């Protein structure tokens, strides 16, 4: 039973109503020495009603989307913290573990205060980034509500071949600052592609994800939306993404489904271009001697054939499929 699911909320209200009815039935019997039980019963009924109301408010605001977020086990304090400077040197020191399972860490960038997020972004780098540091991997940006957990185990298990950036939003988040600063900072710190970034919107942060996509449609394109449990995606968001931004959309059933779809709709990773060693130029020295006019090559009257320009093709899409 999920924390934000309708069954949990209905159960909480049912338990509160049952406790209140039981207290009303036993009220006249609780006399004399049993009077303190009345006070205890009132406190219990108030606590149960408070839990039920809090669960309903939490579902509407998506403050704690899971039990792990409520318990505090999804905080980023347990994750490695990347330094703000000399990031490449720090990543090289994590190559042993990163090349096997990838690496999840908190990313502290210079533009973070201007973005007004709930905390520093959490970044996942795939094993490919450590096996070949010169490889530029695609990017998936996950926009989440505050308190949302980071699926660390799922990322390691799936082996998503992309850099996944988790952004926890607030009511004061500045989408324009994020859309301008995130690509500049991320491409400067990590070996990632600069185009074809996929966006995933989760729960109450779905409108922010759509706004982020609309702010830079040349960079952000595929969009996956994951509604809160028991809720549906607002058709206005889908229409805005498809018509205004002209992007491909997907309604996911869970975060794993959203990550798989998003990774499959990003460009394939790119290796740096090869550096070719120039060959020595042939000698152009003309040997001395007479040059008869008959041996001169007459210019051809046939114009050279013009090469037709090849049609511009889109970059190859990621062909990755999860193993589990």
C-alpha atoms as a PDB file:
ATOM      1  CA  UNK A   1       0.000   0.000   0.000  1.00  0.00           C
ATOM      2  CA  UNK A   2       1.638   3.208  -1.186  1.00  0.00           C
ATOM      3  CA  UNK A   3       1.776   6.350   0.932  1.00  0.00           C
ATOM      4  CA  UNK A   4      -0.039   8.510  -1.625  1.00  0.00           C
ATOM      5  CA  UNK A   5      -2.438   5.825  -2.823  1.00  0.00           C
ATOM      6  CA  UNK A   6      -6.204   6.158  -2.446  1.00  0.00           C
ATOM      7  CA  UNK A   7      -6.536   2.798  -0.590  1.00  0.00           C
ATOM      8  CA  UNK A   8      -4.263   4.038   2.187  1.00  0.00           C
ATOM      9  CA  UNK A   9      -6.203   7.293   2.556  1.00  0.00           C
ATOM     10  CA  UNK A  10      -9.565   5.503   2.640  1.00  0.00           C
ATOM     11  CA  UNK A  11      -8.218   3.034   5.194  1.00  0.00           C
ATOM     12  CA  UNK A  12      -6.955   5.875   7.392  1.00  0.00           C
ATOM     13  CA  UNK A  13     -10.360   7.591   7.389  1.00  0.00           C
ATOM     14  CA  UNK A  14     -12.130   4.280   8.015  1.00  0.00           C
ATOM     15  CA  UNK A  15      -9.939   3.505  11.018  1.00  0.00           C
ATOM     16  CA  UNK A  16     -10.509   7.019  12.409  1.00  0.00           C
ATOM     17  CA  UNK A  17     -14.280   6.676  11.969  1.00  0.00           C
ATOM     18  CA  UNK A  18     -14.293   3.223  13.565  1.00  0.00           C
ATOM     19  CA  UNK A  19     -12.292   4.449  16.562  1.00  0.00           C
ATOM     20  CA  UNK A  20     -14.642   7.419  16.996  1.00  0.00           C
ATOM     21  CA  UNK A  21     -17.705   5.158  16.845  1.00  0.00           C
ATOM     22  CA  UNK A  22     -16.194   2.746  19.346  1.00  0.00           C
ATOM     23  CA  UNK A  23     -15.444   5.589  21.741  1.00  0.00           C
ATOM     24  CA  UNK A  24     -19.019   6.925  21.402  1.00  0.00           C
ATOM     25  CA  UNK A  25     -20.447   3.471  22.112  1.00  0.00           C
ATOM     26  CA  UNK A  26     -18.309   2.992  25.226  1.00  0.00           C
ATOM     27  CA  UNK A  27     -18.577   6.575  26.477  1.00  0.00           C
ATOM     28  CA  UNK A  28     -21.234   5.940  29.173  1.00  0.00           C
ATOM     29  CA  UNK A  29     -19.456   2.828  30.372  1.00  0.00           C
ATOM     30  CA  UNK A  30     -16.222   4.734  30.998  1.00  0.00           C
ATOM     31  CA  UNK A  31     -17.059   6.198  34.396  1.00  0.00           C
ATOM     32  CA  UNK A  32     -15.350   6.402  37.729  1.00  0.00           C
ATOM     33  CA  UNK A  33     -11.878   4.978  37.588  1.00  0.00           C
ATOM     34  CA  UNK A  34     -12.216   4.564  33.796  1.00  0.00           C
ATOM     35  CA  UNK A  35     -12.550   8.294  33.172  1.00  0.00           C
ATOM     36  CA  UNK A  36      -8.877   8.590  32.024  1.00  0.00           C
ATOM     37  CA  UNK A  37      -9.738   6.124  29.247  1.00  0.00           C
ATOM     38  CA  UNK A  38     -12.101   8.730  27.843  1.00  0.00           C
ATOM     39  CA  UNK A  39      -9.285  11.246  27.588  1.00  0.00           C
ATOM     40  CA  UNK A  40      -7.005   8.651  26.026  1.00  0.00           C
ATOM     41  CA  UNK A  41      -9.720   7.675  23.556  1.00  0.00           C
ATOM     42  CA  UNK A  42     -10.232  11.284  22.501  1.00  0.00           C
ATOM     43  CA  UNK A  43      -6.499  11.714  21.901  1.00  0.00           C
ATOM     44  CA  UNK A  44      -6.347   8.500  19.863  1.00  0.00           C
ATOM     45  CA  UNK A  45      -9.320   9.518  17.709  1.00  0.00           C
ATOM     46  CA  UNK A  46      -7.823  12.965  17.085  1.00  0.00           C
ATOM     47  CA  UNK A  47      -4.474  11.431  16.155  1.00  0.00           C
ATOM     48  CA  UNK A  48      -6.094   8.995  13.704  1.00  0.00           C
ATOM     49  CA  UNK A  49      -8.133  11.777  12.114  1.00  0.00           C
ATOM     50  CA  UNK A  50      -5.022  13.923  11.857  1.00  0.00           C
ATOM     51  CA  UNK A  51      -3.165  11.092  10.100  1.00  0.00           C
ATOM     52  CA  UNK A  52      -6.015  10.654   7.622  1.00  0.00           C
ATOM     53  CA  UNK A  53      -6.178  14.384   6.814  1.00  0.00           C
ATOM     54  CA  UNK A  54      -2.382  14.574   6.525  1.00  0.00           C
ATOM     55  CA  UNK A  55      -2.404  11.645   4.091  1.00  0.00           C
ATOM     56  CA  UNK A  56      -4.962  13.400   1.904  1.00  0.00           C
ATOM     57  CA  UNK A  57      -3.002  16.666   1.962  1.00  0.00           C
ATOM     58  CA  UNK A  58       0.186  14.761   1.140  1.00  0.00           C
ATOM     59  CA  UNK A  59      -1.492  13.146  -1.860  1.00  0.00           C
ATOM     60  CA  UNK A  60      -2.603  16.548  -3.147  1.00  0.00           C
ATOM     61  CA  UNK A  61       0.776  18.218  -2.585  1.00  0.00           C
ATOM     62  CA  UNK A  62       2.994  15.175  -3.241  1.00  0.00           C
ATOM     63  CA  UNK A  63       5.288  16.231  -0.387  1.00  0.00           C
ATOM     64  CA  UNK A  64       6.313  12.660   0.523  1.00  0.00           C
ATOM     65  CA  UNK A  65       5.694  10.412  -2.496  1.00  0.00           C
ATOM     66  CA  UNK A  66       6.864   7.203  -0.790  1.00  0.00           C
ATOM     67  CA  UNK A  67       7.423   5.585   2.593  1.00  0.00           C
ATOM     68  CA  UNK A  68      11.163   5.871   2.045  1.00  0.00           C
ATOM     69  CA  UNK A  69      10.866   9.637   1.628  1.00  0.00           C
ATOM     70  CA  UNK A  70       8.779   9.872   4.808  1.00  0.00           C
ATOM     71  CA  UNK A  71      11.320   7.848   6.784  1.00  0.00           C
ATOM     72  CA  UNK A  72      14.155   9.981   5.473  1.00  0.00           C
ATOM     73  CA  UNK A  73      16.016   7.043   3.909  1.00  0.00           C
ATOM     74  CA  UNK A  74      15.917   8.727   0.490  1.00  0.00           C
ATOM     75  CA  UNK A  75      17.958  11.744   1.521  1.00  0.00           C
ATOM     76  CA  UNK A  76      21.081  12.573  -0.406  1.00  0.00           C
ATOM     77  CA  UNK A  77      23.262  12.610   2.721  1.00  0.00           C
ATOM     78  CA  UNK A  78      24.240   8.985   2.139  1.00  0.00           C
ATOM     79  CA  UNK A  79      25.414   9.618  -1.427  1.00  0.00           C
ATOM     80  CA  UNK A  80      28.952  10.640  -2.373  1.00  0.00           C
ATOM     81  CA  UNK A  81      29.354  14.375  -2.762  1.00  0.00           C
ATOM     82  CA  UNK A  82      31.232  15.546  -5.815  1.00  0.00           C
ATOM     83  CA  UNK A  83      33.509  18.555  -5.307  1.00  0.00           C
ATOM     84  CA  UNK A  84      32.622  21.843  -6.930  1.00  0.00           C
ATOM     85  CA  UNK A  85      36.084  22.032  -8.562  1.00  0.00           C
ATOM     86  CA  UNK A  86      38.405  19.420 -10.091  1.00  0.00           C
ATOM     87  CA  UNK A  87      35.431  17.171 -10.793  1.00  0.00           C
ATOM     88  CA  UNK A  88      37.236  15.187 -13.490  1.00  0.00           C
ATOM     89  CA  UNK A  89      40.011  14.322 -11.058  1.00  0.00           C
ATOM     90  CA  UNK A  90      37.453  13.150  -8.487  1.00  0.00           C
ATOM     91  CA  UNK A  91      35.637  11.023 -11.077  1.00  0.00           C
ATOM     92  CA  UNK A  92      38.927   9.407 -12.076  1.00  0.00           C
ATOM     93  CA  UNK A  93      39.323   8.307  -8.464  1.00  0.00           C
ATOM     94  CA  UNK A  94      35.885   6.644  -8.613  1.00  0.00           C
ATOM     95  CA  UNK A  95      36.651   4.750 -11.830  1.00  0.00           C
ATOM     96  CA  UNK A  96      37.046   1.334 -10.164  1.00  0.00           C
ATOM     97  CA  UNK A  97      33.492   1.263  -8.803  1.00  0.00           C
ATOM     98  CA  UNK A  98      31.988   3.408 -11.550  1.00  0.00           C
ATOM     99  CA  UNK A  99      33.163   1.208 -14.420  1.00  0.00           C
ATOM    100  CA  UNK A 100      31.330  -1.734 -12.845  1.00  0.00           C
ATOM    101  CA  UNK A 101      28.010  -0.325 -11.593  1.00  0.00           C
ATOM    102  CA  UNK A 102      28.022   3.347 -12.522  1.00  0.00           C
ATOM    103  CA  UNK A 103      28.076   6.121  -9.913  1.00  0.00           C
ATOM    104  CA  UNK A 104      25.347   8.111  -8.153  1.00  0.00           C
ATOM    105  CA  UNK A 105      26.450  11.324  -6.436  1.00  0.00           C
ATOM    106  CA  UNK A 106      25.246  14.775  -5.419  1.00  0.00           C
ATOM    107  CA  UNK A 107      26.348  17.466  -7.843  1.00  0.00           C
ATOM    108  CA  UNK A 108      27.187  20.879  -6.393  1.00  0.00           C
ATOM    109  CA  UNK A 109      27.416  23.351  -9.240  1.00  0.00           C
ATOM    110  CA  UNK A 110      28.012  27.087  -9.264  1.00  0.00           C
ATOM    111  CA  UNK A 111      24.564  27.962 -10.629  1.00  0.00           C
ATOM    112  CA  UNK A 112      22.625  26.027  -7.997  1.00  0.00           C
ATOM    113  CA  UNK A 113      21.495  29.048  -5.874  1.00  0.00           C
ATOM    114  CA  UNK A 114      19.918  30.711  -8.910  1.00  0.00           C
ATOM    115  CA  UNK A 115      17.841  27.626  -9.754  1.00  0.00           C
ATOM    116  CA  UNK A 116      15.991  27.597  -6.394  1.00  0.00           C
ATOM    117  CA  UNK A 117      15.749  23.841  -6.129  1.00  0.00           C
ATOM    118  CA  UNK A 118      14.959  21.888  -2.962  1.00  0.00           C
ATOM    119  CA  UNK A 119      18.541  20.604  -2.863  1.00  0.00           C
ATOM    120  CA  UNK A 120      21.559  19.826  -5.007  1.00  0.00           C
ATOM    121  CA  UNK A 121      20.894  17.680  -8.080  1.00  0.00           C
ATOM    122  CA  UNK A 122      21.600  13.956  -7.869  1.00  0.00           C
ATOM    123  CA  UNK A 123      23.503  12.637 -10.892  1.00  0.00           C
ATOM    124  CA  UNK A 124      23.936   9.102 -12.188  1.00  0.00           C
ATOM    125  CA  UNK A 125      26.843   8.402 -14.544  1.00  0.00           C
ATOM    126  CA  UNK A 126      26.713   5.052 -16.381  1.00  0.00           C
ATOM    127  CA  UNK A 127      29.608   2.566 -16.453  1.00  0.00           C
ATOM    128  CA  UNK A 128      30.352   3.601 -20.051  1.00  0.00           C
ATOM    129  CA  UNK A 129      31.501   7.017 -18.823  1.00  0.00           C
ATOM    130  CA  UNK A 130      34.213   5.386 -16.691  1.00  0.00           C
ATOM    131  CA  UNK A 131      35.174   2.685 -19.159  1.00  0.00           C
ATOM    132  CA  UNK A 132      35.805   5.337 -21.834  1.00  0.00           C
ATOM    133  CA  UNK A 133      36.122   8.842 -20.317  1.00  0.00           C
ATOM    134  CA  UNK A 134      36.147  10.411 -23.780  1.00  0.00           C
ATOM    135  CA  UNK A 135      32.670   9.041 -24.583  1.00  0.00           C
ATOM    136  CA  UNK A 136      29.842  11.597 -24.556  1.00  0.00           C
ATOM    137  CA  UNK A 137      26.672   9.955 -23.192  1.00  0.00           C
ATOM    138  CA  UNK A 138      23.071  11.192 -23.593  1.00  0.00           C
ATOM    139  CA  UNK A 139      21.202  12.950 -20.791  1.00  0.00           C
ATOM    140  CA  UNK A 140      17.876  12.270 -19.050  1.00  0.00           C
ATOM    141  CA  UNK A 141      16.579  15.019 -16.727  1.00  0.00           C
ATOM    142  CA  UNK A 142      14.110  13.813 -14.064  1.00  0.00           C
ATOM    143  CA  UNK A 143      12.046  16.623 -12.527  1.00  0.00           C
ATOM    144  CA  UNK A 144      10.658  15.512  -9.143  1.00  0.00           C
ATOM    145  CA  UNK A 145       8.733  17.053  -6.245  1.00  0.00           C
ATOM    146  CA  UNK A 146      10.638  17.721  -3.016  1.00  0.00           C
ATOM    147  CA  UNK A 147      11.271  14.651  -0.882  1.00  0.00           C
ATOM    148  CA  UNK A 148      11.089  12.235  -3.811  1.00  0.00           C
ATOM    149  CA  UNK A 149      13.470   9.262  -3.519  1.00  0.00           C
ATOM    150  CA  UNK A 150      16.373   8.555  -5.843  1.00  0.00           C
ATOM    151  CA  UNK A 151      16.034   5.035  -7.325  1.00  0.00           C
ATOM    152  CA  UNK A 152      19.694   4.170  -6.768  1.00  0.00           C
ATOM    153  CA  UNK A 153      19.153   0.414  -6.848  1.00  0.00           C
ATOM    154  CA  UNK A 154      17.064   0.604 -10.019  1.00  0.00           C
ATOM    155  CA  UNK A 155      19.702   2.697 -11.789  1.00  0.00           C
ATOM    156  CA  UNK A 156      22.445   0.187 -10.958  1.00  0.00           C
ATOM    157  CA  UNK A 157      20.221  -2.757 -11.859  1.00  0.00           C
ATOM    158  CA  UNK A 158      19.015  -1.371 -15.189  1.00  0.00           C
ATOM    159  CA  UNK A 159      22.369   0.009 -16.256  1.00  0.00           C
ATOM    160  CA  UNK A 160      20.813   2.987 -18.051  1.00  0.00           C
ATOM    161  CA  UNK A 161      23.417   4.099 -20.648  1.00  0.00           C
ATOM    162  CA  UNK A 162      22.768   7.779 -19.999  1.00  0.00           C
ATOM    163  CA  UNK A 163      23.580  10.490 -17.516  1.00  0.00           C
ATOM    164  CA  UNK A 164      20.462  10.849 -15.353  1.00  0.00           C
ATOM    165  CA  UNK A 165      20.024  14.146 -13.478  1.00  0.00           C
ATOM    166  CA  UNK A 166      17.417  14.330 -10.696  1.00  0.00           C
ATOM    167  CA  UNK A 167      16.071  17.828  -9.948  1.00  0.00           C
ATOM    168  CA  UNK A 168      13.832  18.337  -6.898  1.00  0.00           C
ATOM    169  CA  UNK A 169      11.709  21.399  -7.470  1.00  0.00           C
ATOM    170  CA  UNK A 170      10.110  23.968  -5.181  1.00  0.00           C
ATOM    171  CA  UNK A 171       7.277  26.449  -5.620  1.00  0.00           C
ATOM    172  CA  UNK A 172       9.882  29.139  -6.372  1.00  0.00           C
ATOM    173  CA  UNK A 173      11.920  27.183  -8.914  1.00  0.00           C
ATOM    174  CA  UNK A 174      13.225  29.361 -11.775  1.00  0.00           C
ATOM    175  CA  UNK A 175      12.734  27.313 -14.916  1.00  0.00           C
ATOM    176  CA  UNK A 176      14.460  29.900 -17.105  1.00  0.00           C
ATOM    177  CA  UNK A 177      17.586  29.747 -14.946  1.00  0.00           C
ATOM    178  CA  UNK A 178      17.571  25.943 -14.974  1.00  0.00           C
ATOM    179  CA  UNK A 179      17.086  25.680 -18.749  1.00  0.00           C
ATOM    180  CA  UNK A 180      19.962  28.104 -19.351  1.00  0.00           C
ATOM    181  CA  UNK A 181      22.349  27.056 -16.586  1.00  0.00           C
ATOM    182  CA  UNK A 182      21.920  23.295 -16.408  1.00  0.00           C
ATOM    183  CA  UNK A 183      23.192  22.515 -19.940  1.00  0.00           C
ATOM    184  CA  UNK A 184      26.113  24.910 -19.596  1.00  0.00           C
ATOM    185  CA  UNK A 185      27.204  23.549 -16.222  1.00  0.00           C
ATOM    186  CA  UNK A 186      26.593  19.876 -17.009  1.00  0.00           C
ATOM    187  CA  UNK A 187      28.394  19.845 -20.356  1.00  0.00           C
ATOM    188  CA  UNK A 188      31.276  21.698 -18.728  1.00  0.00           C
ATOM    189  CA  UNK A 189      31.612  19.258 -15.824  1.00  0.00           C
ATOM    190  CA  UNK A 190      30.697  15.868 -17.301  1.00  0.00           C
ATOM    191  CA  UNK A 191      31.203  14.038 -20.624  1.00  0.00           C
ATOM    192  CA  UNK A 192      27.657  14.336 -21.967  1.00  0.00           C
ATOM    193  CA  UNK A 193      25.970  15.175 -25.249  1.00  0.00           C
ATOM    194  CA  UNK A 194      24.673  18.693 -25.720  1.00  0.00           C
ATOM    195  CA  UNK A 195      21.511  17.777 -27.625  1.00  0.00           C
ATOM    196  CA  UNK A 196      18.592  15.366 -27.522  1.00  0.00           C
ATOM    197  CA  UNK A 197      18.053  15.517 -23.757  1.00  0.00           C
ATOM    198  CA  UNK A 198      15.014  13.592 -22.518  1.00  0.00           C
ATOM    199  CA  UNK A 199      12.823  14.968 -19.727  1.00  0.00           C
ATOM    200  CA  UNK A 200      10.817  13.001 -17.138  1.00  0.00           C
ATOM    201  CA  UNK A 201       8.172  14.786 -15.047  1.00  0.00           C
ATOM    202  CA  UNK A 202       7.057  13.105 -11.812  1.00  0.00           C
ATOM    203  CA  UNK A 203       3.882  13.809  -9.832  1.00  0.00           C
ATOM    204  CA  UNK A 204       3.248  17.436  -8.956  1.00  0.00           C
ATOM    205  CA  UNK A 205       6.461  18.436 -10.775  1.00  0.00           C
ATOM    206  CA  UNK A 206       5.047  17.496 -14.202  1.00  0.00           C
ATOM    207  CA  UNK A 207       4.125  21.125 -15.089  1.00  0.00           C
ATOM    208  CA  UNK A 208       7.686  22.199 -14.289  1.00  0.00           C
ATOM    209  CA  UNK A 209       9.007  19.480 -16.607  1.00  0.00           C
ATOM    210  CA  UNK A 210       6.787  20.732 -19.436  1.00  0.00           C
ATOM    211  CA  UNK A 211       7.911  24.324 -18.825  1.00  0.00           C
ATOM    212  CA  UNK A 212      11.542  23.182 -18.909  1.00  0.00           C
ATOM    213  CA  UNK A 213      10.970  21.468 -22.229  1.00  0.00           C
ATOM    214  CA  UNK A 214       9.249  24.508 -23.725  1.00  0.00           C
ATOM    215  CA  UNK A 215      12.082  26.787 -22.572  1.00  0.00           C
ATOM    216  CA  UNK A 216      14.554  25.054 -24.935  1.00  0.00           C
ATOM    217  CA  UNK A 217      12.875  22.793 -27.474  1.00  0.00           C
ATOM    218  CA  UNK A 218      16.080  22.487 -29.485  1.00  0.00           C
ATOM    219  CA  UNK A 219      17.781  20.705 -26.584  1.00  0.00           C
ATOM    220  CA  UNK A 220      14.918  19.015 -24.709  1.00  0.00           C
ATOM    221  CA  UNK A 221      12.694  16.776 -26.811  1.00  0.00           C
ATOM    222  CA  UNK A 222      11.294  13.426 -25.587  1.00  0.00           C
ATOM    223  CA  UNK A 223       9.021  13.804 -22.556  1.00  0.00           C
ATOM    224  CA  UNK A 224       7.794  11.110 -20.176  1.00  0.00           C
ATOM    225  CA  UNK A 225       5.161  11.965 -17.556  1.00  0.00           C
ATOM    226  CA  UNK A 226       4.601   9.915 -14.396  1.00  0.00           C
ATOM    227  CA  UNK A 227       1.458  10.944 -12.491  1.00  0.00           C
ATOM    228  CA  UNK A 228       0.999  10.401  -8.769  1.00  0.00           C
ATOM    229  CA  UNK A 229      -0.577   7.056  -7.755  1.00  0.00           C
ATOM    230  CA  UNK A 230      -4.306   7.145  -8.365  1.00  0.00           C
ATOM    231  CA  UNK A 231      -4.084  10.278 -10.501  1.00  0.00           C
ATOM    232  CA  UNK A 232      -4.021  10.909 -14.242  1.00  0.00           C
ATOM    233  CA  UNK A 233      -2.008  13.191 -16.472  1.00  0.00           C
ATOM    234  CA  UNK A 234      -3.678  16.512 -17.174  1.00  0.00           C
ATOM    235  CA  UNK A 235      -4.612  16.496 -20.892  1.00  0.00           C
ATOM    236  CA  UNK A 236      -3.547  20.141 -21.059  1.00  0.00           C
ATOM    237  CA  UNK A 237       0.041  19.156 -20.282  1.00  0.00           C
ATOM    238  CA  UNK A 238       0.068  16.551 -23.033  1.00  0.00           C
ATOM    239  CA  UNK A 239      -1.456  18.985 -25.514  1.00  0.00           C
ATOM    240  CA  UNK A 240       1.053  21.664 -24.551  1.00  0.00           C
ATOM    241  CA  UNK A 241       3.985  19.292 -25.003  1.00  0.00           C
ATOM    242  CA  UNK A 242       2.772  17.820 -28.281  1.00  0.00           C
ATOM    243  CA  UNK A 243       1.445  20.946 -29.981  1.00  0.00           C
ATOM    244  CA  UNK A 244       3.382  23.876 -28.522  1.00  0.00           C
ATOM    245  CA  UNK A 245       6.722  22.079 -28.087  1.00  0.00           C
ATOM    246  CA  UNK A 246       6.200  19.499 -30.845  1.00  0.00           C
ATOM    247  CA  UNK A 247       7.721  16.668 -28.856  1.00  0.00           C
ATOM    248  CA  UNK A 248       7.080  12.962 -28.438  1.00  0.00           C
ATOM    249  CA  UNK A 249       5.402  12.073 -25.138  1.00  0.00           C
ATOM    250  CA  UNK A 250       4.868   8.972 -23.023  1.00  0.00           C
ATOM    251  CA  UNK A 251       2.730   8.334 -19.937  1.00  0.00           C
ATOM    252  CA  UNK A 252       4.695   6.009 -17.678  1.00  0.00           C
ATOM    253  CA  UNK A 253       3.363   3.518 -15.143  1.00  0.00           C
ATOM    254  CA  UNK A 254       6.328   3.893 -12.789  1.00  0.00           C
ATOM    255  CA  UNK A 255       9.730   5.559 -12.640  1.00  0.00           C
ATOM    256  CA  UNK A 256      11.510   2.510 -14.057  1.00  0.00           C
ATOM    257  CA  UNK A 257       9.247   2.555 -17.103  1.00  0.00           C
ATOM    258  CA  UNK A 258       9.857   6.302 -17.514  1.00  0.00           C
ATOM    259  CA  UNK A 259      13.650   5.904 -17.331  1.00  0.00           C
ATOM    260  CA  UNK A 260      13.687   3.031 -19.826  1.00  0.00           C
ATOM    261  CA  UNK A 261      11.511   4.903 -22.332  1.00  0.00           C
ATOM    262  CA  UNK A 262      13.473   8.132 -21.953  1.00  0.00           C
ATOM    263  CA  UNK A 263      16.842   6.408 -22.383  1.00  0.00           C
ATOM    264  CA  UNK A 264      15.609   4.612 -25.505  1.00  0.00           C
ATOM    265  CA  UNK A 265      14.532   7.935 -27.035  1.00  0.00           C
ATOM    266  CA  UNK A 266      17.867   9.703 -26.633  1.00  0.00           C
ATOM    267  CA  UNK A 267      20.712   9.781 -29.178  1.00  0.00           C
ATOM    268  CA  UNK A 268      23.412   7.153 -29.021  1.00  0.00           C
ATOM    269  CA  UNK A 269      26.622   7.966 -27.169  1.00  0.00           C
ATOM    270  CA  UNK A 270      29.325   9.561 -29.297  1.00  0.00           C
ATOM    271  CA  UNK A 271      33.066   9.011 -29.253  1.00  0.00           C
ATOM    272  CA  UNK A 272      35.370  11.930 -30.072  1.00  0.00           C
ATOM    273  CA  UNK A 273      36.370  12.272 -33.743  1.00  0.00           C
ATOM    274  CA  UNK A 274      39.505  10.474 -34.831  1.00  0.00           C
ATOM    275  CA  UNK A 275      42.643  12.544 -35.326  1.00  0.00           C
ATOM    276  CA  UNK A 276      44.273  11.601 -38.627  1.00  0.00           C
ATOM    277  CA  UNK A 277      47.993  12.028 -39.207  1.00  0.00           C
ATOM    278  CA  UNK A 278      48.499  13.978 -42.467  1.00  0.00           C
ATOM    279  CA  UNK A 279      50.450  12.152 -45.180  1.00  0.00           C
ATOM    280  CA  UNK A 280      53.524  13.822 -46.724  1.00  0.00           C
ATOM    281  CA  UNK A 281      52.735  15.836 -49.845  1.00  0.00           C
ATOM    282  CA  UNK A 282      54.153  14.437 -53.144  1.00  0.00           C
ATOM    283  CA  UNK A 283      56.924  16.382 -54.798  1.00  0.00           C
ATOM    284  CA  UNK A 284      55.789  18.885 -57.447  1.00  0.00           C
ATOM    285  CA  UNK A 285      59.240  19.704 -58.904  1.00  0.00           C
ATOM    286  CA  UNK A 286      59.136  19.884 -62.734  1.00  0.00           C
ATOM    287  CA  UNK A 287      62.161  18.234 -64.393  1.00  0.00           C
ATOM    288  CA  UNK A 288      64.128  20.526 -66.741  1.00  0.00           C
ATOM    289  CA  UNK A 289      63.822  20.130 -70.480  1.00  0.00           C
ATOM    290  CA  UNK A 290      61.746  21.227 -73.459  1.00  0.00           C
ATOM    291  CA  UNK A 291      57.987  20.966 -73.200  1.00  0.00           C
ATOM    292  CA  UNK A 292      56.398  20.549 -76.636  1.00  0.00           C
ATOM    293  CA  UNK A 293      53.079  22.202 -77.108  1.00  0.00           C
ATOM    294  CA  UNK A 294      51.643  18.959 -78.464  1.00  0.00           C
ATOM    295  CA  UNK A 295      52.071  17.285 -75.092  1.00  0.00           C
ATOM    296  CA  UNK A 296      50.176  19.937 -73.216  1.00  0.00           C
ATOM    297  CA  UNK A 297      46.895  18.789 -71.857  1.00  0.00           C
ATOM    298  CA  UNK A 298      44.023  20.682 -73.364  1.00  0.00           C
ATOM    299  CA  UNK A 299      41.325  21.785 -70.962  1.00  0.00           C
ATOM    300  CA  UNK A 300      38.260  19.618 -71.098  1.00  0.00           C
ATOM    301  CA  UNK A 301      35.083  21.201 -72.336  1.00  0.00           C
ATOM    302  CA  UNK A 302      32.957  18.903 -70.190  1.00  0.00           C
ATOM    303  CA  UNK A 303      32.130  20.529 -66.853  1.00  0.00           C
ATOM    304  CA  UNK A 304      32.838  18.452 -63.785  1.00  0.00           C
ATOM    305  CA  UNK A 305      29.919  16.531 -62.419  1.00  0.00           C
ATOM    306  CA  UNK A 306      28.416  18.236 -59.405  1.00  0.00           C
ATOM    307  CA  UNK A 307      27.795  16.161 -56.312  1.00  0.00           C
ATOM    308  CA  UNK A 308      24.253  16.303 -55.067  1.00  0.00           C
ATOM    309  CA  UNK A 309      24.079  17.141 -51.383  1.00  0.00           C
ATOM    310  CA  UNK A 310      23.199  14.206 -49.211  1.00  0.00           C
ATOM    311  CA  UNK A 311      19.992  14.597 -47.240  1.00  0.00           C
ATOM    312  CA  UNK A 312      20.513  15.627 -43.631  1.00  0.00           C
ATOM    313  CA  UNK A 313      19.901  12.672 -41.387  1.00  0.00           C
ATOM    314  CA  UNK A 314      19.025  12.576 -37.716  1.00  0.00           C
ATOM    315  CA  UNK A 315      21.559  11.228 -35.238  1.00  0.00           C
ATOM    316  CA  UNK A 316      21.162   7.525 -34.495  1.00  0.00           C
ATOM    317  CA  UNK A 317      18.812   6.721 -31.630  1.00  0.00           C
ATOM    318  CA  UNK A 318      19.856   4.739 -28.597  1.00  0.00           C
ATOM    319  CA  UNK A 319      19.323   1.006 -29.186  1.00  0.00           C
ATOM    320  CA  UNK A 320      19.753   0.025 -25.540  1.00  0.00           C
ATOM    321  CA  UNK A 321      17.348  -2.438 -23.907  1.00  0.00           C
ATOM    322  CA  UNK A 322      17.300  -3.272 -20.184  1.00  0.00           C
ATOM    323  CA  UNK A 323      18.577  -6.684 -19.216  1.00  0.00           C
ATOM    324  CA  UNK A 324      16.092  -7.159 -16.363  1.00  0.00           C
END
